[in-house]
């Protein structure tokens, strides 16, 4: 990546994204965050310089800078991504940690974060804005919709389908072939052996409706 990156979000997810970029020697120009208390502070020696809608910095996007959306709240992340596309004709770049493994024949959309130690296997497909936590596994031919969050150490086995905006907690295991509906939530450490309808929350081993 030739251009430096501006990260929208300077809290937990912003920290993880910054770590991913710096692991690959990508320069992060600055971070932007809507928490006024963070303005003029630093995150790992990178300045937090304004709000996420600050045109002074967003006008740098395209020719001079790339962008990554790291708002902790998924709805905010999606809203910011839409704003970048509509107002600035920009799509976020992917942040793939140097210590992650992404197969040559995996498919990634835009604005995904693949954390340290995570594995995205051959034939796996990620939409846009997905978060794959440290040491999580997205196995062969598994498919994640847009803005799916997979927690640290979770395993999404082969040919699993996960709908958009779904959440899979840390350490959870989704058995091969299972379908997770849009906006469904899987609790941390759960073992999912059956399909989960859209919007449903499940927990336990085997996972059942909460």
Foldseek 3Di string as FASTA:
>chain_A
DPAAEEEEDDPDQVLQLVQLCVLVVHHHQAYEDPPPVQDQHDDVNGHHHYHLPPCVPLVCDDPHYAYAYRHPDLVVSVVSQVCCCPPVVHHHAEREHPQEAEDPQEEEAHREYHGHLEYEEHLEYEYHQEYAEHNEYNEHNEYEYYNEYEYHCEYEYHCEYEEDCEYEYACEYEDHNEYEAAPEYEYHNEYDDHHHYHNFYWYHDPTDTD
